[in-house]
C-alpha atoms as a PDB file:
ATOM      1  CA  UNK A   1     128.574 112.206 108.472  1.00  0.00           C
ATOM      2  CA  UNK A   2     126.118 113.288 106.727  1.00  0.00           C
ATOM      3  CA  UNK A   3     124.351 116.943 108.313  1.00  0.00           C
ATOM      4  CA  UNK A   4     120.732 117.005 108.893  1.00  0.00           C
ATOM      5  CA  UNK A   5     118.908 120.493 107.425  1.00  0.00           C
ATOM      6  CA  UNK A   6     116.962 122.155 109.895  1.00  0.00           C
ATOM      7  CA  UNK A   7     113.769 123.514 108.621  1.00  0.00           C
ATOM      8  CA  UNK A   8     112.892 127.027 109.301  1.00  0.00           C
ATOM      9  CA  UNK A   9     109.252 125.948 106.971  1.00  0.00           C
ATOM     10  CA  UNK A  10     107.834 125.172 109.281  1.00  0.00           C
ATOM     11  CA  UNK A  11     108.381 128.046 111.421  1.00  0.00           C
ATOM     12  CA  UNK A  12     107.396 130.519 108.987  1.00  0.00           C
ATOM     13  CA  UNK A  13     104.658 132.766 110.652  1.00  0.00           C
ATOM     14  CA  UNK A  14     100.687 133.235 108.458  1.00  0.00           C
ATOM     15  CA  UNK A  15     101.945 135.519 105.468  1.00  0.00           C
ATOM     16  CA  UNK A  16     106.041 134.207 105.129  1.00  0.00           C
ATOM     17  CA  UNK A  17     107.596 135.686 106.540  1.00  0.00           C
ATOM     18  CA  UNK A  18     111.493 135.035 106.680  1.00  0.00           C
ATOM     19  CA  UNK A  19     113.143 135.886 109.874  1.00  0.00           C
ATOM     20  CA  UNK A  20     113.974 132.209 111.688  1.00  0.00           C
ATOM     21  CA  UNK A  21     116.928 131.411 109.060  1.00  0.00           C
ATOM     22  CA  UNK A  22     119.647 132.636 111.772  1.00  0.00           C
ATOM     23  CA  UNK A  23     118.322 130.555 113.953  1.00  0.00           C
ATOM     24  CA  UNK A  24     118.094 127.567 111.773  1.00  0.00           C
ATOM     25  CA  UNK A  25     120.809 127.823 110.759  1.00  0.00           C
ATOM     26  CA  UNK A  26     122.672 127.920 114.231  1.00  0.00           C
ATOM     27  CA  UNK A  27     120.413 124.221 115.074  1.00  0.00           C
ATOM     28  CA  UNK A  28     121.467 122.507 112.001  1.00  0.00           C
ATOM     29  CA  UNK A  29     125.685 124.144 112.733  1.00  0.00           C
ATOM     30  CA  UNK A  30     125.480 123.535 116.357  1.00  0.00           C
ATOM     31  CA  UNK A  31     124.104 119.987 115.638  1.00  0.00           C
ATOM     32  CA  UNK A  32     127.349 119.779 113.723  1.00  0.00           C
ATOM     33  CA  UNK A  33     129.859 120.236 116.164  1.00  0.00           C
ATOM     34  CA  UNK A  34     128.666 118.873 119.231  1.00  0.00           C
ATOM     35  CA  UNK A  35     126.808 115.949 117.909  1.00  0.00           C
ATOM     36  CA  UNK A  36     123.666 115.979 119.277  1.00  0.00           C
ATOM     37  CA  UNK A  37     119.553 117.347 118.540  1.00  0.00           C
ATOM     38  CA  UNK A  38     119.107 120.712 118.114  1.00  0.00           C
ATOM     39  CA  UNK A  39     115.568 121.623 116.174  1.00  0.00           C
ATOM     40  CA  UNK A  40     115.216 124.836 114.735  1.00  0.00           C
ATOM     41  CA  UNK A  41     112.345 125.546 117.461  1.00  0.00           C
ATOM     42  CA  UNK A  42     115.498 125.519 120.087  1.00  0.00           C
ATOM     43  CA  UNK A  43     117.394 127.260 117.792  1.00  0.00           C
ATOM     44  CA  UNK A  44     114.303 130.536 117.994  1.00  0.00           C
ATOM     45  CA  UNK A  45     113.986 129.723 121.793  1.00  0.00           C
ATOM     46  CA  UNK A  46     117.904 130.340 122.109  1.00  0.00           C
ATOM     47  CA  UNK A  47     117.803 133.686 120.224  1.00  0.00           C
ATOM     48  CA  UNK A  48     115.145 135.097 122.203  1.00  0.00           C
ATOM     49  CA  UNK A  49     117.353 133.964 124.801  1.00  0.00           C
ATOM     50  CA  UNK A  50     121.021 135.342 123.483  1.00  0.00           C
ATOM     51  CA  UNK A  51     119.139 138.295 122.502  1.00  0.00           C
ATOM     52  CA  UNK A  52     115.787 139.074 124.659  1.00  0.00           C
ATOM     53  CA  UNK A  53     113.688 139.929 121.480  1.00  0.00           C
ATOM     54  CA  UNK A  54     110.607 137.248 120.753  1.00  0.00           C
ATOM     55  CA  UNK A  55     109.904 137.425 117.982  1.00  0.00           C
ATOM     56  CA  UNK A  56     106.258 138.560 116.270  1.00  0.00           C
ATOM     57  CA  UNK A  57     103.994 136.316 114.466  1.00  0.00           C
ATOM     58  CA  UNK A  58     104.424 137.900 110.863  1.00  0.00           C
ATOM     59  CA  UNK A  59     106.260 140.105 111.441  1.00  0.00           C
ATOM     60  CA  UNK A  60     109.879 140.190 109.718  1.00  0.00           C
ATOM     61  CA  UNK A  61     110.876 142.290 113.481  1.00  0.00           C
ATOM     62  CA  UNK A  62     113.295 139.519 114.443  1.00  0.00           C
ATOM     63  CA  UNK A  63     116.028 139.483 111.067  1.00  0.00           C
ATOM     64  CA  UNK A  64     119.542 138.025 113.342  1.00  0.00           C
ATOM     65  CA  UNK A  65     123.283 139.874 112.845  1.00  0.00           C
ATOM     66  CA  UNK A  66     126.198 138.045 112.977  1.00  0.00           C
ATOM     67  CA  UNK A  67     126.867 139.004 116.406  1.00  0.00           C
ATOM     68  CA  UNK A  68     123.586 137.488 117.303  1.00  0.00           C
ATOM     69  CA  UNK A  69     123.991 134.600 116.165  1.00  0.00           C
ATOM     70  CA  UNK A  70     127.292 134.130 117.785  1.00  0.00           C
ATOM     71  CA  UNK A  71     125.497 134.614 121.157  1.00  0.00           C
ATOM     72  CA  UNK A  72     122.859 132.257 119.666  1.00  0.00           C
ATOM     73  CA  UNK A  73     125.459 129.462 118.678  1.00  0.00           C
ATOM     74  CA  UNK A  74     126.788 130.212 123.023  1.00  0.00           C
ATOM     75  CA  UNK A  75     123.622 129.676 124.584  1.00  0.00           C
ATOM     76  CA  UNK A  76     122.833 126.105 122.568  1.00  0.00           C
ATOM     77  CA  UNK A  77     126.776 124.935 124.078  1.00  0.00           C
ATOM     78  CA  UNK A  78     128.745 125.719 121.204  1.00  0.00           C
ATOM     79  CA  UNK A  79     131.444 128.918 120.700  1.00  0.00           C
ATOM     80  CA  UNK A  80     131.473 130.939 117.789  1.00  0.00           C
ATOM     81  CA  UNK A  81     134.172 133.764 116.453  1.00  0.00           C
ATOM     82  CA  UNK A  82     134.206 135.677 113.075  1.00  0.00           C
ATOM     83  CA  UNK A  83     136.432 134.393 110.162  1.00  0.00           C
ATOM     84  CA  UNK A  84     139.320 136.071 110.226  1.00  0.00           C
ATOM     85  CA  UNK A  85     139.455 135.352 106.184  1.00  0.00           C
ATOM     86  CA  UNK A  86     139.024 132.863 103.822  1.00  0.00           C
ATOM     87  CA  UNK A  87     141.541 130.226 104.656  1.00  0.00           C
ATOM     88  CA  UNK A  88     140.307 129.805 108.757  1.00  0.00           C
ATOM     89  CA  UNK A  89     136.877 129.196 107.203  1.00  0.00           C
ATOM     90  CA  UNK A  90     138.370 125.897 105.459  1.00  0.00           C
ATOM     91  CA  UNK A  91     140.788 124.848 107.799  1.00  0.00           C
ATOM     92  CA  UNK A  92     138.654 125.605 110.416  1.00  0.00           C
ATOM     93  CA  UNK A  93     135.873 123.646 109.183  1.00  0.00           C
ATOM     94  CA  UNK A  94     137.822 121.221 108.367  1.00  0.00           C
ATOM     95  CA  UNK A  95     138.841 120.917 111.471  1.00  0.00           C
ATOM     96  CA  UNK A  96     135.322 120.018 112.473  1.00  0.00           C
ATOM     97  CA  UNK A  97     133.426 123.471 112.369  1.00  0.00           C
ATOM     98  CA  UNK A  98     130.936 124.033 111.065  1.00  0.00           C
ATOM     99  CA  UNK A  99     130.634 126.778 109.300  1.00  0.00           C
ATOM    100  CA  UNK A 100     126.957 129.942 109.446  1.00  0.00           C
ATOM    101  CA  UNK A 101     127.135 131.510 105.811  1.00  0.00           C
ATOM    102  CA  UNK A 102     125.060 134.936 105.747  1.00  0.00           C
ATOM    103  CA  UNK A 103     124.201 135.738 102.089  1.00  0.00           C
ATOM    104  CA  UNK A 104     122.334 137.208  99.749  1.00  0.00           C
ATOM    105  CA  UNK A 105     119.832 134.187  98.723  1.00  0.00           C
ATOM    106  CA  UNK A 106     119.549 132.216  95.686  1.00  0.00           C
ATOM    107  CA  UNK A 107     122.960 134.281  93.960  1.00  0.00           C
ATOM    108  CA  UNK A 108     125.601 132.493  93.292  1.00  0.00           C
ATOM    109  CA  UNK A 109     123.971 128.729  94.169  1.00  0.00           C
ATOM    110  CA  UNK A 110     124.435 125.945  92.431  1.00  0.00           C
ATOM    111  CA  UNK A 111     121.565 124.384  90.911  1.00  0.00           C
ATOM    112  CA  UNK A 112     121.270 121.252  93.946  1.00  0.00           C
ATOM    113  CA  UNK A 113     121.395 124.479  96.323  1.00  0.00           C
ATOM    114  CA  UNK A 114     118.241 125.827  95.446  1.00  0.00           C
ATOM    115  CA  UNK A 115     114.884 124.676  97.838  1.00  0.00           C
ATOM    116  CA  UNK A 116     112.142 124.086  96.396  1.00  0.00           C
ATOM    117  CA  UNK A 117     110.446 126.419  98.465  1.00  0.00           C
ATOM    118  CA  UNK A 118     112.503 128.764  97.062  1.00  0.00           C
ATOM    119  CA  UNK A 119     112.300 128.140  93.039  1.00  0.00           C
ATOM    120  CA  UNK A 120     108.033 128.474  94.256  1.00  0.00           C
ATOM    121  CA  UNK A 121     109.256 131.828  95.708  1.00  0.00           C
ATOM    122  CA  UNK A 122     111.022 132.882  92.398  1.00  0.00           C
ATOM    123  CA  UNK A 123     108.034 131.554  91.106  1.00  0.00           C
ATOM    124  CA  UNK A 124     105.395 134.357  92.560  1.00  0.00           C
ATOM    125  CA  UNK A 125     108.283 137.134  92.827  1.00  0.00           C
ATOM    126  CA  UNK A 126     110.634 136.680  89.514  1.00  0.00           C
ATOM    127  CA  UNK A 127     114.189 137.980  90.328  1.00  0.00           C
ATOM    128  CA  UNK A 128     113.538 138.575  93.945  1.00  0.00           C
ATOM    129  CA  UNK A 129     116.506 138.105  96.845  1.00  0.00           C
ATOM    130  CA  UNK A 130     117.172 138.418 100.227  1.00  0.00           C
ATOM    131  CA  UNK A 131     119.790 138.151 102.856  1.00  0.00           C
ATOM    132  CA  UNK A 132     119.473 135.271 104.471  1.00  0.00           C
ATOM    133  CA  UNK A 133     121.958 132.580 107.292  1.00  0.00           C
ATOM    134  CA  UNK A 134     122.716 129.466 105.899  1.00  0.00           C
ATOM    135  CA  UNK A 135     125.390 126.849 107.282  1.00  0.00           C
ATOM    136  CA  UNK A 136     127.835 124.623 105.049  1.00  0.00           C
ATOM    137  CA  UNK A 137     130.246 122.253 107.085  1.00  0.00           C
ATOM    138  CA  UNK A 138     133.139 119.762 105.754  1.00  0.00           C
ATOM    139  CA  UNK A 139     133.160 116.162 105.725  1.00  0.00           C
ATOM    140  CA  UNK A 140     136.956 114.115 105.094  1.00  0.00           C
ATOM    141  CA  UNK A 141     134.838 111.435 103.193  1.00  0.00           C
ATOM    142  CA  UNK A 142     132.428 113.560 101.759  1.00  0.00           C
ATOM    143  CA  UNK A 143     133.267 116.809 101.127  1.00  0.00           C
ATOM    144  CA  UNK A 144     131.448 120.654 101.421  1.00  0.00           C
ATOM    145  CA  UNK A 145     127.750 119.992 102.570  1.00  0.00           C
ATOM    146  CA  UNK A 146     125.545 122.991 101.747  1.00  0.00           C
ATOM    147  CA  UNK A 147     122.564 123.141 104.380  1.00  0.00           C
ATOM    148  CA  UNK A 148     120.049 126.022 103.251  1.00  0.00           C
ATOM    149  CA  UNK A 149     117.314 126.572 106.414  1.00  0.00           C
ATOM    150  CA  UNK A 150     114.264 126.465 103.149  1.00  0.00           C
ATOM    151  CA  UNK A 151     114.771 123.179 102.590  1.00  0.00           C
ATOM    152  CA  UNK A 152     111.934 120.662 104.231  1.00  0.00           C
ATOM    153  CA  UNK A 153     114.124 118.217 106.600  1.00  0.00           C
ATOM    154  CA  UNK A 154     111.867 115.133 105.081  1.00  0.00           C
ATOM    155  CA  UNK A 155     113.150 113.092 101.535  1.00  0.00           C
ATOM    156  CA  UNK A 156     115.142 114.227  99.174  1.00  0.00           C
ATOM    157  CA  UNK A 157     115.063 117.608 101.600  1.00  0.00           C
ATOM    158  CA  UNK A 158     116.324 115.770 104.494  1.00  0.00           C
ATOM    159  CA  UNK A 159     120.298 116.606 104.111  1.00  0.00           C
ATOM    160  CA  UNK A 160     122.544 119.429 103.078  1.00  0.00           C
ATOM    161  CA  UNK A 161     123.730 118.817  99.324  1.00  0.00           C
ATOM    162  CA  UNK A 162     127.098 118.235  98.185  1.00  0.00           C
ATOM    163  CA  UNK A 163     129.210 121.102  96.583  1.00  0.00           C
ATOM    164  CA  UNK A 164     132.552 122.030  95.682  1.00  0.00           C
ATOM    165  CA  UNK A 165     134.439 124.449  97.595  1.00  0.00           C
ATOM    166  CA  UNK A 166     134.387 126.891  94.567  1.00  0.00           C
ATOM    167  CA  UNK A 167     131.169 126.990  94.644  1.00  0.00           C
ATOM    168  CA  UNK A 168     131.098 127.094  98.170  1.00  0.00           C
ATOM    169  CA  UNK A 169     133.478 130.430  97.916  1.00  0.00           C
ATOM    170  CA  UNK A 170     131.229 131.575  95.540  1.00  0.00           C
ATOM    171  CA  UNK A 171     127.606 131.418  97.349  1.00  0.00           C
ATOM    172  CA  UNK A 172     129.523 133.147 100.603  1.00  0.00           C
ATOM    173  CA  UNK A 173     130.696 136.019  97.980  1.00  0.00           C
ATOM    174  CA  UNK A 174     127.230 136.161  96.915  1.00  0.00           C
ATOM    175  CA  UNK A 175     127.130 139.721  98.614  1.00  0.00           C
ATOM    176  CA  UNK A 176     129.260 141.147  96.899  1.00  0.00           C
ATOM    177  CA  UNK A 177     131.835 141.656  99.499  1.00  0.00           C
ATOM    178  CA  UNK A 178     135.249 138.570 100.537  1.00  0.00           C
ATOM    179  CA  UNK A 179     133.324 136.155 101.353  1.00  0.00           C
ATOM    180  CA  UNK A 180     135.007 135.451 104.530  1.00  0.00           C
ATOM    181  CA  UNK A 181     133.645 139.035 106.543  1.00  0.00           C
ATOM    182  CA  UNK A 182     129.861 137.002 105.971  1.00  0.00           C
ATOM    183  CA  UNK A 183     131.351 133.836 107.686  1.00  0.00           C
ATOM    184  CA  UNK A 184     131.032 132.581 111.509  1.00  0.00           C
ATOM    185  CA  UNK A 185     133.264 130.211 112.888  1.00  0.00           C
ATOM    186  CA  UNK A 186     131.405 127.298 115.232  1.00  0.00           C
ATOM    187  CA  UNK A 187     133.277 126.002 117.407  1.00  0.00           C
ATOM    188  CA  UNK A 188     132.683 123.506 120.667  1.00  0.00           C
END
């Protein structure tokens, strides 16, 4: 089964504010584990309900902590928890969980994981990086899939890209600490 992208791009307010990556990634994660369609907009609404904070247009005021995203997953009907170690991340994904992965975009990304939007962003802001929430899953036939919500969710960017476990671990290590410390486990 392929993981569908839940793009944050339609949610980016005028001025390019990027604070909807967390709830967009939780929408993808919860869609995977619950087997139902959950839109990025529904993820944003769930985060608002979970935190009591409404996003203000054009202002980077509503970034997400991992604990807030665990609460967001609960509002969407799933369960979330912190990863204990990297083995827990791998075993949970191989048991059907989705993994929320907080990264420093797009450090350590393999080429196939860099969205067209990010390539344009870097063209305007050379060497820029930003804290960013993403999602990963494992499928027994396809292997590891990585979903960055700056993908459009259409055409060639409709689905998560295939990555190796080594690539995923490198992506999850982009903040400079142990990769599991940036992961949350999302289950039914």
